[in-house]
PDB file of all heavy atoms in Angstrom:
ATOM      1  N   GLU A   1     -17.374  -0.349  30.984  1.00  0.00           N
ATOM      2  CA  GLU A   1     -18.437   0.557  31.040  1.00  0.00           C
ATOM      3  C   GLU A   1     -19.469   0.134  31.983  1.00  0.00           C
ATOM      4  O   GLU A   1     -20.088   0.980  32.762  1.00  0.00           O
ATOM      5  CB  GLU A   1     -19.089   0.672  29.664  1.00  0.00           C
ATOM      6  CG  GLU A   1     -20.254   1.686  29.600  1.00  0.00           C
ATOM      7  CD  GLU A   1     -19.855   3.070  29.934  1.00  0.00           C
ATOM      8  OE1 GLU A   1     -18.621   3.422  29.732  1.00  0.00           O
ATOM      9  OE2 GLU A   1     -20.734   3.820  30.571  1.00  0.00           O
ATOM     10  N   ALA A   2     -19.748  -1.196  32.179  1.00  0.00           N
ATOM     11  CA  ALA A   2     -20.760  -1.646  33.171  1.00  0.00           C
ATOM     12  C   ALA A   2     -20.256  -1.386  34.583  1.00  0.00           C
ATOM     13  O   ALA A   2     -21.023  -0.976  35.468  1.00  0.00           O
ATOM     14  CB  ALA A   2     -20.955  -3.168  32.946  1.00  0.00           C
ATOM     15  N   ALA A   3     -18.964  -1.567  34.767  1.00  0.00           N
ATOM     16  CA  ALA A   3     -18.368  -1.352  36.127  1.00  0.00           C
ATOM     17  C   ALA A   3     -18.473   0.177  36.394  1.00  0.00           C
ATOM     18  O   ALA A   3     -18.828   0.599  37.605  1.00  0.00           O
ATOM     19  CB  ALA A   3     -16.925  -1.840  36.178  1.00  0.00           C
ATOM     20  N   ARG A   4     -18.227   1.032  35.426  1.00  0.00           N
ATOM     21  CA  ARG A   4     -18.321   2.477  35.685  1.00  0.00           C
ATOM     22  C   ARG A   4     -19.769   2.915  36.086  1.00  0.00           C
ATOM     23  O   ARG A   4     -19.958   3.651  36.968  1.00  0.00           O
ATOM     24  CB  ARG A   4     -17.898   3.245  34.471  1.00  0.00           C
ATOM     25  CG  ARG A   4     -16.297   3.182  34.168  1.00  0.00           C
ATOM     26  CD  ARG A   4     -15.960   3.763  32.870  1.00  0.00           C
ATOM     27  NE  ARG A   4     -14.497   3.777  32.618  1.00  0.00           N
ATOM     28  CZ  ARG A   4     -13.997   3.937  31.443  1.00  0.00           C
ATOM     29  NH1 ARG A   4     -14.710   4.110  30.382  1.00  0.00           N
ATOM     30  NH2 ARG A   4     -12.773   3.994  31.273  1.00  0.00           N
ATOM     31  N   ARG A   5     -20.691   2.343  35.345  1.00  0.00           N
ATOM     32  CA  ARG A   5     -22.101   2.722  35.609  1.00  0.00           C
ATOM     33  C   ARG A   5     -22.475   2.272  37.052  1.00  0.00           C
ATOM     34  O   ARG A   5     -23.177   2.898  37.781  1.00  0.00           O
ATOM     35  CB  ARG A   5     -23.024   2.065  34.575  1.00  0.00           C
ATOM     36  CG  ARG A   5     -22.999   2.766  33.221  1.00  0.00           C
ATOM     37  CD  ARG A   5     -24.196   2.365  32.402  1.00  0.00           C
ATOM     38  NE  ARG A   5     -24.307   0.892  32.214  1.00  0.00           N
ATOM     39  CZ  ARG A   5     -23.788   0.247  31.268  1.00  0.00           C
ATOM     40  NH1 ARG A   5     -23.054   0.869  30.293  1.00  0.00           N
ATOM     41  NH2 ARG A   5     -23.931  -1.126  31.205  1.00  0.00           N
ATOM     42  N   GLY A   6     -22.051   1.019  37.424  1.00  0.00           N
ATOM     43  CA  GLY A   6     -22.287   0.554  38.716  1.00  0.00           C
ATOM     44  C   GLY A   6     -21.715   1.387  39.838  1.00  0.00           C
ATOM     45  O   GLY A   6     -22.366   1.679  40.868  1.00  0.00           O
ATOM     46  N   ALA A   7     -20.488   1.806  39.654  1.00  0.00           N
ATOM     47  CA  ALA A   7     -19.861   2.654  40.660  1.00  0.00           C
ATOM     48  C   ALA A   7     -20.550   4.039  40.743  1.00  0.00           C
ATOM     49  O   ALA A   7     -20.725   4.521  41.824  1.00  0.00           O
ATOM     50  CB  ALA A   7     -18.391   2.755  40.379  1.00  0.00           C
ATOM     51  N   ALA A   8     -20.889   4.583  39.576  1.00  0.00           N
ATOM     52  CA  ALA A   8     -21.539   5.866  39.550  1.00  0.00           C
ATOM     53  C   ALA A   8     -22.924   5.832  40.256  1.00  0.00           C
ATOM     54  O   ALA A   8     -23.328   6.792  40.876  1.00  0.00           O
ATOM     55  CB  ALA A   8     -21.691   6.355  38.133  1.00  0.00           C
ATOM     56  N   ALA A   9     -23.571   4.692  40.212  1.00  0.00           N
ATOM     57  CA  ALA A   9     -24.886   4.558  40.861  1.00  0.00           C
ATOM     58  C   ALA A   9     -24.746   4.586  42.356  1.00  0.00           C
ATOM     59  O   ALA A   9     -25.846   4.936  42.994  1.00  0.00           O
ATOM     60  CB  ALA A   9     -25.509   3.255  40.402  1.00  0.00           C
ATOM     61  N   THR A  10     -23.664   4.358  42.925  1.00  0.00           N
ATOM     62  CA  THR A  10     -23.513   4.383  44.332  1.00  0.00           C
ATOM     63  C   THR A  10     -23.482   5.790  44.920  1.00  0.00           C
ATOM     64  O   THR A  10     -23.658   6.025  46.105  1.00  0.00           O
ATOM     65  CB  THR A  10     -22.228   3.673  44.809  1.00  0.00           C
ATOM     66  OG1 THR A  10     -21.086   4.449  44.347  1.00  0.00           O
ATOM     67  CG2 THR A  10     -22.179   2.216  44.380  1.00  0.00           C
ATOM     68  N   VAL A  11     -23.252   6.847  44.074  1.00  0.00           N
ATOM     69  CA  VAL A  11     -23.207   8.251  44.482  1.00  0.00           C
ATOM     70  C   VAL A  11     -24.495   8.694  45.162  1.00  0.00           C
ATOM     71  O   VAL A  11     -24.472   9.270  46.242  1.00  0.00           O
ATOM     72  CB  VAL A  11     -22.904   9.138  43.282  1.00  0.00           C
ATOM     73  CG1 VAL A  11     -22.956  10.610  43.701  1.00  0.00           C
ATOM     74  CG2 VAL A  11     -21.484   8.807  42.788  1.00  0.00           C
ATOM     75  N   GLY A  12     -25.616   8.353  44.528  1.00  0.00           N
ATOM     76  CA  GLY A  12     -26.886   8.784  45.094  1.00  0.00           C
ATOM     77  C   GLY A  12     -27.595   7.825  46.044  1.00  0.00           C
ATOM     78  O   GLY A  12     -28.606   8.115  46.607  1.00  0.00           O
ATOM     79  N   ALA A  13     -27.029   6.619  46.132  1.00  0.00           N
ATOM     80  CA  ALA A  13     -27.689   5.565  46.992  1.00  0.00           C
ATOM     81  C   ALA A  13     -27.255   5.684  48.446  1.00  0.00           C
ATOM     82  O   ALA A  13     -26.190   6.297  48.754  1.00  0.00           O
ATOM     83  CB  ALA A  13     -27.321   4.200  46.437  1.00  0.00           C
ATOM     84  N   VAL A  14     -28.007   5.057  49.263  1.00  0.00           N
ATOM     85  CA  VAL A  14     -27.709   4.962  50.676  1.00  0.00           C
ATOM     86  C   VAL A  14     -27.085   3.567  50.886  1.00  0.00           C
ATOM     87  O   VAL A  14     -27.783   2.605  50.693  1.00  0.00           O
ATOM     88  CB  VAL A  14     -28.880   5.169  51.625  1.00  0.00           C
ATOM     89  CG1 VAL A  14     -28.513   4.986  53.103  1.00  0.00           C
ATOM     90  CG2 VAL A  14     -29.459   6.597  51.485  1.00  0.00           C
ATOM     91  N   ALA A  15     -25.860   3.515  51.351  1.00  0.00           N
ATOM     92  CA  ALA A  15     -25.162   2.232  51.464  1.00  0.00           C
ATOM     93  C   ALA A  15     -25.870   1.446  52.600  1.00  0.00           C
ATOM     94  O   ALA A  15     -26.236   1.894  53.648  1.00  0.00           O
ATOM     95  CB  ALA A  15     -23.687   2.407  51.833  1.00  0.00           C
ATOM     96  N   ARG A  16     -25.994   0.073  52.323  1.00  0.00           N
ATOM     97  CA  ARG A  16     -26.509  -0.826  53.272  1.00  0.00           C
ATOM     98  C   ARG A  16     -25.488  -1.833  53.851  1.00  0.00           C
ATOM     99  O   ARG A  16     -25.781  -2.636  54.765  1.00  0.00           O
ATOM    100  CB  ARG A  16     -27.669  -1.649  52.659  1.00  0.00           C
ATOM    101  CG  ARG A  16     -28.849  -0.724  52.279  1.00  0.00           C
ATOM    102  CD  ARG A  16     -30.033  -1.597  51.923  1.00  0.00           C
ATOM    103  NE  ARG A  16     -29.817  -2.237  50.605  1.00  0.00           N
ATOM    104  CZ  ARG A  16     -30.176  -1.667  49.415  1.00  0.00           C
ATOM    105  NH1 ARG A  16     -30.711  -0.509  49.380  1.00  0.00           N
ATOM    106  NH2 ARG A  16     -29.931  -2.305  48.307  1.00  0.00           N
ATOM    107  N   ARG A  17     -24.286  -1.813  53.308  1.00  0.00           N
ATOM    108  CA  ARG A  17     -23.216  -2.573  53.810  1.00  0.00           C
ATOM    109  C   ARG A  17     -21.937  -1.761  53.789  1.00  0.00           C
ATOM    110  O   ARG A  17     -21.830  -0.768  53.172  1.00  0.00           O
ATOM    111  CB  ARG A  17     -22.994  -3.885  52.990  1.00  0.00           C
ATOM    112  CG  ARG A  17     -24.133  -4.859  53.001  1.00  0.00           C
ATOM    113  CD  ARG A  17     -24.167  -5.560  54.409  1.00  0.00           C
ATOM    114  NE  ARG A  17     -25.138  -6.550  54.426  1.00  0.00           N
ATOM    115  CZ  ARG A  17     -26.461  -6.450  54.691  1.00  0.00           C
ATOM    116  NH1 ARG A  17     -26.817  -5.273  55.017  1.00  0.00           N
ATOM    117  NH2 ARG A  17     -27.275  -7.447  54.748  1.00  0.00           N
ATOM    118  N   GLY A  18     -20.931  -2.267  54.506  1.00  0.00           N
ATOM    119  CA  GLY A  18     -19.574  -1.529  54.535  1.00  0.00           C
ATOM    120  C   GLY A  18     -19.659  -0.364  55.476  1.00  0.00           C
ATOM    121  O   GLY A  18     -20.672  -0.060  56.113  1.00  0.00           O
ATOM    122  N   ARG A  19     -18.442   0.301  55.580  1.00  0.00           N
ATOM    123  CA  ARG A  19     -18.389   1.359  56.533  1.00  0.00           C
ATOM    124  C   ARG A  19     -19.287   2.496  56.224  1.00  0.00           C
ATOM    125  O   ARG A  19     -19.791   3.212  57.144  1.00  0.00           O
ATOM    126  CB  ARG A  19     -16.885   1.943  56.499  1.00  0.00           C
ATOM    127  CG  ARG A  19     -15.861   0.971  57.115  1.00  0.00           C
ATOM    128  CD  ARG A  19     -15.961   0.977  58.584  1.00  0.00           C
ATOM    129  NE  ARG A  19     -15.179  -0.115  59.169  1.00  0.00           N
ATOM    130  CZ  ARG A  19     -13.832  -0.066  59.347  1.00  0.00           C
ATOM    131  NH1 ARG A  19     -13.229   1.145  59.086  1.00  0.00           N
ATOM    132  NH2 ARG A  19     -13.136  -1.014  59.926  1.00  0.00           N
ATOM    133  N   ALA A  20     -19.560   2.779  54.950  1.00  0.00           N
ATOM    134  CA  ALA A  20     -20.454   3.856  54.603  1.00  0.00           C
ATOM    135  C   ALA A  20     -21.833   3.681  55.130  1.00  0.00           C
ATOM    136  O   ALA A  20     -22.613   4.718  55.324  1.00  0.00           O
ATOM    137  CB  ALA A  20     -20.511   4.058  53.092  1.00  0.00           C
ATOM    138  N   SER A  21     -22.329   2.435  55.432  1.00  0.00           N
ATOM    139  CA  SER A  21     -23.585   2.190  55.910  1.00  0.00           C
ATOM    140  C   SER A  21     -23.821   2.788  57.293  1.00  0.00           C
ATOM    141  O   SER A  21     -24.930   3.100  57.688  1.00  0.00           O
ATOM    142  CB  SER A  21     -23.890   0.679  56.020  1.00  0.00           C
ATOM    143  OG  SER A  21     -23.034   0.028  56.896  1.00  0.00           O
ATOM    144  N   TYR A  22     -22.687   3.023  58.032  1.00  0.00           N
ATOM    145  CA  TYR A  22     -22.854   3.650  59.352  1.00  0.00           C
ATOM    146  C   TYR A  22     -23.200   5.091  59.273  1.00  0.00           C
ATOM    147  O   TYR A  22     -23.688   5.723  60.218  1.00  0.00           O
ATOM    148  CB  TYR A  22     -21.530   3.477  60.192  1.00  0.00           C
ATOM    149  CG  TYR A  22     -21.112   2.032  60.331  1.00  0.00           C
ATOM    150  CD1 TYR A  22     -19.778   1.678  60.181  1.00  0.00           C
ATOM    151  CD2 TYR A  22     -22.033   1.115  60.735  1.00  0.00           C
ATOM    152  CE1 TYR A  22     -19.383   0.364  60.357  1.00  0.00           C
ATOM    153  CE2 TYR A  22     -21.599  -0.213  60.950  1.00  0.00           C
ATOM    154  CZ  TYR A  22     -20.338  -0.591  60.807  1.00  0.00           C
ATOM    155  OH  TYR A  22     -19.929  -1.890  60.965  1.00  0.00           O
ATOM    156  N   LEU A  23     -22.918   5.715  58.141  1.00  0.00           N
ATOM    157  CA  LEU A  23     -23.159   7.168  57.881  1.00  0.00           C
ATOM    158  C   LEU A  23     -24.552   7.404  57.377  1.00  0.00           C
ATOM    159  O   LEU A  23     -24.992   8.573  57.427  1.00  0.00           O
ATOM    160  CB  LEU A  23     -22.108   7.767  57.026  1.00  0.00           C
ATOM    161  CG  LEU A  23     -20.653   7.704  57.516  1.00  0.00           C
ATOM    162  CD1 LEU A  23     -19.701   8.292  56.508  1.00  0.00           C
ATOM    163  CD2 LEU A  23     -20.503   8.317  58.908  1.00  0.00           C
ATOM    164  N   GLY A  24     -25.197   6.347  56.783  1.00  0.00           N
ATOM    165  CA  GLY A  24     -26.521   6.618  56.233  1.00  0.00           C
ATOM    166  C   GLY A  24     -26.516   7.639  55.173  1.00  0.00           C
ATOM    167  O   GLY A  24     -25.712   7.649  54.289  1.00  0.00           O
ATOM    168  N   GLU A  25     -27.407   8.548  55.220  1.00  0.00           N
ATOM    169  CA  GLU A  25     -27.614   9.577  54.182  1.00  0.00           C
ATOM    170  C   GLU A  25     -26.346  10.528  54.085  1.00  0.00           C
ATOM    171  O   GLU A  25     -26.129  11.215  53.063  1.00  0.00           O
ATOM    172  CB  GLU A  25     -28.814  10.415  54.347  1.00  0.00           C
ATOM    173  CG  GLU A  25     -30.153   9.546  54.162  1.00  0.00           C
ATOM    174  CD  GLU A  25     -31.390  10.323  54.313  1.00  0.00           C
ATOM    175  OE1 GLU A  25     -31.316  11.503  54.642  1.00  0.00           O
ATOM    176  OE2 GLU A  25     -32.513   9.780  54.110  1.00  0.00           O
ATOM    177  N   ARG A  26     -25.558  10.628  55.158  1.00  0.00           N
ATOM    178  CA  ARG A  26     -24.428  11.472  55.172  1.00  0.00           C
ATOM    179  C   ARG A  26     -23.383  11.035  54.129  1.00  0.00           C
ATOM    180  O   ARG A  26     -22.521  11.861  53.767  1.00  0.00           O
ATOM    181  CB  ARG A  26     -23.811  11.610  56.522  1.00  0.00           C
ATOM    182  CG  ARG A  26     -24.640  12.228  57.590  1.00  0.00           C
ATOM    183  CD  ARG A  26     -24.096  12.122  58.972  1.00  0.00           C
ATOM    184  NE  ARG A  26     -22.778  12.844  59.030  1.00  0.00           N
ATOM    185  CZ  ARG A  26     -21.904  12.665  60.043  1.00  0.00           C
ATOM    186  NH1 ARG A  26     -22.222  11.934  61.052  1.00  0.00           N
ATOM    187  NH2 ARG A  26     -20.738  13.347  60.010  1.00  0.00           N
ATOM    188  N   ALA A  27     -23.379   9.818  53.761  1.00  0.00           N
ATOM    189  CA  ALA A  27     -22.474   9.365  52.755  1.00  0.00           C
ATOM    190  C   ALA A  27     -22.879   9.539  51.415  1.00  0.00           C
ATOM    191  O   ALA A  27     -22.160   9.220  50.373  1.00  0.00           O
ATOM    192  CB  ALA A  27     -22.217   7.823  52.985  1.00  0.00           C
ATOM    193  N   GLN A  28     -24.156   9.973  51.169  1.00  0.00           N
ATOM    194  CA  GLN A  28     -24.586  10.270  49.743  1.00  0.00           C
ATOM    195  C   GLN A  28     -23.808  11.365  49.165  1.00  0.00           C
ATOM    196  O   GLN A  28     -23.370  12.341  49.792  1.00  0.00           O
ATOM    197  CB  GLN A  28     -26.100  10.591  49.809  1.00  0.00           C
ATOM    198  CG  GLN A  28     -27.012   9.424  50.055  1.00  0.00           C
ATOM    199  CD  GLN A  28     -28.493   9.834  49.946  1.00  0.00           C
ATOM    200  OE1 GLN A  28     -28.929  10.684  50.732  1.00  0.00           O
ATOM    201  NE2 GLN A  28     -29.195   9.200  49.096  1.00  0.00           N
ATOM    202  N   GLY A  29     -23.649  11.306  47.810  1.00  0.00           N
ATOM    203  CA  GLY A  29     -22.907  12.287  47.053  1.00  0.00           C
ATOM    204  C   GLY A  29     -21.482  11.905  46.779  1.00  0.00           C
ATOM    205  O   GLY A  29     -20.740  12.572  46.034  1.00  0.00           O
ATOM    206  N   TYR A  30     -21.102  10.722  47.271  1.00  0.00           N
ATOM    207  CA  TYR A  30     -19.724  10.145  47.028  1.00  0.00           C
ATOM    208  C   TYR A  30     -19.881   8.769  46.548  1.00  0.00           C
ATOM    209  O   TYR A  30     -20.687   7.985  46.998  1.00  0.00           O
ATOM    210  CB  TYR A  30     -18.890  10.203  48.296  1.00  0.00           C
ATOM    211  CG  TYR A  30     -18.753  11.508  48.952  1.00  0.00           C
ATOM    212  CD1 TYR A  30     -19.588  11.879  49.998  1.00  0.00           C
ATOM    213  CD2 TYR A  30     -17.744  12.398  48.472  1.00  0.00           C
ATOM    214  CE1 TYR A  30     -19.448  13.130  50.582  1.00  0.00           C
ATOM    215  CE2 TYR A  30     -17.674  13.648  49.127  1.00  0.00           C
ATOM    216  CZ  TYR A  30     -18.428  13.972  50.137  1.00  0.00           C
ATOM    217  OH  TYR A  30     -18.301  15.209  50.699  1.00  0.00           O
ATOM    218  N   PRO A  31     -19.057   8.398  45.501  1.00  0.00           N
ATOM    219  CA  PRO A  31     -19.112   6.997  45.067  1.00  0.00           C
ATOM    220  C   PRO A  31     -18.505   6.040  46.076  1.00  0.00           C
ATOM    221  O   PRO A  31     -17.617   6.512  46.887  1.00  0.00           O
ATOM    222  CB  PRO A  31     -18.257   7.027  43.801  1.00  0.00           C
ATOM    223  CG  PRO A  31     -17.274   8.147  43.907  1.00  0.00           C
ATOM    224  CD  PRO A  31     -18.109   9.186  44.793  1.00  0.00           C
ATOM    225  N   ASP A  32     -18.879   4.781  46.125  1.00  0.00           N
ATOM    226  CA  ASP A  32     -18.306   3.829  47.014  1.00  0.00           C
ATOM    227  C   ASP A  32     -16.784   3.701  46.634  1.00  0.00           C
ATOM    228  O   ASP A  32     -16.496   3.313  45.474  1.00  0.00           O
ATOM    229  CB  ASP A  32     -19.015   2.553  46.897  1.00  0.00           C
ATOM    230  CG  ASP A  32     -18.362   1.493  47.828  1.00  0.00           C
ATOM    231  OD1 ASP A  32     -18.413   1.658  49.097  1.00  0.00           O
ATOM    232  OD2 ASP A  32     -17.718   0.546  47.283  1.00  0.00           O
ATOM    233  N   PRO A  33     -15.847   3.803  47.558  1.00  0.00           N
ATOM    234  CA  PRO A  33     -14.474   3.655  47.203  1.00  0.00           C
ATOM    235  C   PRO A  33     -14.133   2.220  46.709  1.00  0.00           C
ATOM    236  O   PRO A  33     -13.283   2.087  45.788  1.00  0.00           O
ATOM    237  CB  PRO A  33     -13.728   3.978  48.529  1.00  0.00           C
ATOM    238  CG  PRO A  33     -14.729   4.780  49.345  1.00  0.00           C
ATOM    239  CD  PRO A  33     -16.084   4.252  48.909  1.00  0.00           C
ATOM    240  N   GLY A  34     -14.749   1.248  47.296  1.00  0.00           N
ATOM    241  CA  GLY A  34     -14.506  -0.148  46.854  1.00  0.00           C
ATOM    242  C   GLY A  34     -14.914  -0.370  45.378  1.00  0.00           C
ATOM    243  O   GLY A  34     -14.226  -1.041  44.589  1.00  0.00           O
ATOM    244  N   ALA A  35     -16.030   0.270  45.009  1.00  0.00           N
ATOM    245  CA  ALA A  35     -16.473   0.065  43.650  1.00  0.00           C
ATOM    246  C   ALA A  35     -15.518   0.852  42.661  1.00  0.00           C
ATOM    247  O   ALA A  35     -15.177   0.372  41.593  1.00  0.00           O
ATOM    248  CB  ALA A  35     -17.891   0.614  43.514  1.00  0.00           C
ATOM    249  N   VAL A  36     -15.127   2.029  43.122  1.00  0.00           N
ATOM    250  CA  VAL A  36     -14.061   2.756  42.258  1.00  0.00           C
ATOM    251  C   VAL A  36     -12.811   2.006  42.109  1.00  0.00           C
ATOM    252  O   VAL A  36     -12.244   1.973  40.933  1.00  0.00           O
ATOM    253  CB  VAL A  36     -13.885   4.209  42.894  1.00  0.00           C
ATOM    254  CG1 VAL A  36     -12.758   4.898  42.177  1.00  0.00           C
ATOM    255  CG2 VAL A  36     -15.082   4.971  42.895  1.00  0.00           C
ATOM    256  N   ALA A  37     -12.389   1.325  43.154  1.00  0.00           N
ATOM    257  CA  ALA A  37     -11.163   0.527  43.075  1.00  0.00           C
ATOM    258  C   ALA A  37     -11.304  -0.611  42.012  1.00  0.00           C
ATOM    259  O   ALA A  37     -10.363  -0.819  41.208  1.00  0.00           O
ATOM    260  CB  ALA A  37     -10.806  -0.071  44.494  1.00  0.00           C
ATOM    261  N   VAL A  38     -12.518  -1.223  41.895  1.00  0.00           N
ATOM    262  CA  VAL A  38     -12.711  -2.206  40.937  1.00  0.00           C
ATOM    263  C   VAL A  38     -12.657  -1.648  39.531  1.00  0.00           C
ATOM    264  O   VAL A  38     -12.075  -2.209  38.616  1.00  0.00           O
ATOM    265  CB  VAL A  38     -14.157  -2.918  41.159  1.00  0.00           C
ATOM    266  CG1 VAL A  38     -14.544  -3.752  39.997  1.00  0.00           C
ATOM    267  CG2 VAL A  38     -14.124  -3.742  42.444  1.00  0.00           C
ATOM    268  N   VAL A  39     -13.292  -0.470  39.334  1.00  0.00           N
ATOM    269  CA  VAL A  39     -13.227   0.219  38.073  1.00  0.00           C
ATOM    270  C   VAL A  39     -11.789   0.456  37.602  1.00  0.00           C
ATOM    271  O   VAL A  39     -11.382   0.221  36.479  1.00  0.00           O
ATOM    272  CB  VAL A  39     -13.997   1.509  38.071  1.00  0.00           C
ATOM    273  CG1 VAL A  39     -13.792   2.339  36.819  1.00  0.00           C
ATOM    274  CG2 VAL A  39     -15.415   1.230  38.270  1.00  0.00           C
ATOM    275  N   ARG A  40     -10.946   0.917  38.598  1.00  0.00           N
ATOM    276  CA  ARG A  40      -9.505   1.223  38.183  1.00  0.00           C
ATOM    277  C   ARG A  40      -8.764   0.087  37.742  1.00  0.00           C
ATOM    278  O   ARG A  40      -8.047   0.161  36.725  1.00  0.00           O
ATOM    279  CB  ARG A  40      -8.897   1.962  39.372  1.00  0.00           C
ATOM    280  CG  ARG A  40      -9.518   3.292  39.844  1.00  0.00           C
ATOM    281  CD  ARG A  40      -9.327   4.373  38.695  1.00  0.00           C
ATOM    282  NE  ARG A  40     -10.090   5.578  38.972  1.00  0.00           N
ATOM    283  CZ  ARG A  40     -11.286   5.892  38.396  1.00  0.00           C
ATOM    284  NH1 ARG A  40     -11.785   5.066  37.546  1.00  0.00           N
ATOM    285  NH2 ARG A  40     -11.927   6.976  38.820  1.00  0.00           N
ATOM    286  N   TRP A  41      -8.864  -1.019  38.449  1.00  0.00           N
ATOM    287  CA  TRP A  41      -8.051  -2.135  37.954  1.00  0.00           C
ATOM    288  C   TRP A  41      -8.624  -2.859  36.811  1.00  0.00           C
ATOM    289  O   TRP A  41      -7.924  -3.404  35.967  1.00  0.00           O
ATOM    290  CB  TRP A  41      -7.670  -3.172  39.118  1.00  0.00           C
ATOM    291  CG  TRP A  41      -8.800  -3.869  39.865  1.00  0.00           C
ATOM    292  CD1 TRP A  41      -9.256  -3.548  41.105  1.00  0.00           C
ATOM    293  CD2 TRP A  41      -9.515  -4.994  39.478  1.00  0.00           C
ATOM    294  NE1 TRP A  41     -10.259  -4.432  41.479  1.00  0.00           N
ATOM    295  CE2 TRP A  41     -10.428  -5.311  40.530  1.00  0.00           C
ATOM    296  CE3 TRP A  41      -9.554  -5.768  38.312  1.00  0.00           C
ATOM    297  CZ2 TRP A  41     -11.261  -6.444  40.442  1.00  0.00           C
ATOM    298  CZ3 TRP A  41     -10.399  -6.863  38.201  1.00  0.00           C
ATOM    299  CH2 TRP A  41     -11.267  -7.136  39.277  1.00  0.00           C
ATOM    300  N   LEU A  42     -10.026  -2.807  36.676  1.00  0.00           N
ATOM    301  CA  LEU A  42     -10.621  -3.301  35.416  1.00  0.00           C
ATOM    302  C   LEU A  42     -10.206  -2.441  34.163  1.00  0.00           C
ATOM    303  O   LEU A  42      -9.906  -3.039  33.087  1.00  0.00           O
ATOM    304  CB  LEU A  42     -12.071  -3.381  35.554  1.00  0.00           C
ATOM    305  CG  LEU A  42     -12.737  -4.599  36.257  1.00  0.00           C
ATOM    306  CD1 LEU A  42     -14.204  -4.379  36.374  1.00  0.00           C
ATOM    307  CD2 LEU A  42     -12.430  -5.870  35.478  1.00  0.00           C
ATOM    308  N   GLU A  43     -10.199  -1.184  34.352  1.00  0.00           N
ATOM    309  CA  GLU A  43      -9.737  -0.337  33.212  1.00  0.00           C
ATOM    310  C   GLU A  43      -8.304  -0.647  32.808  1.00  0.00           C
ATOM    311  O   GLU A  43      -8.021  -0.718  31.586  1.00  0.00           O
ATOM    312  CB  GLU A  43      -9.765   1.106  33.697  1.00  0.00           C
ATOM    313  CG  GLU A  43     -11.106   1.708  33.809  1.00  0.00           C
ATOM    314  CD  GLU A  43     -11.171   3.167  34.464  1.00  0.00           C
ATOM    315  OE1 GLU A  43     -10.196   3.494  35.147  1.00  0.00           O
ATOM    316  OE2 GLU A  43     -12.113   3.860  34.270  1.00  0.00           O
TER     317      GLU A  43
END
């Protein structure tokens, strides 16, 4: 549940690291794929 909440929080945030950081606000509205991957194997 903690991992899910953390991944969900990336949807509205502006990434500061990783490839999404190059897109700035254009990447908002999508969860970070790396965080989602962590959720999937933890589940």
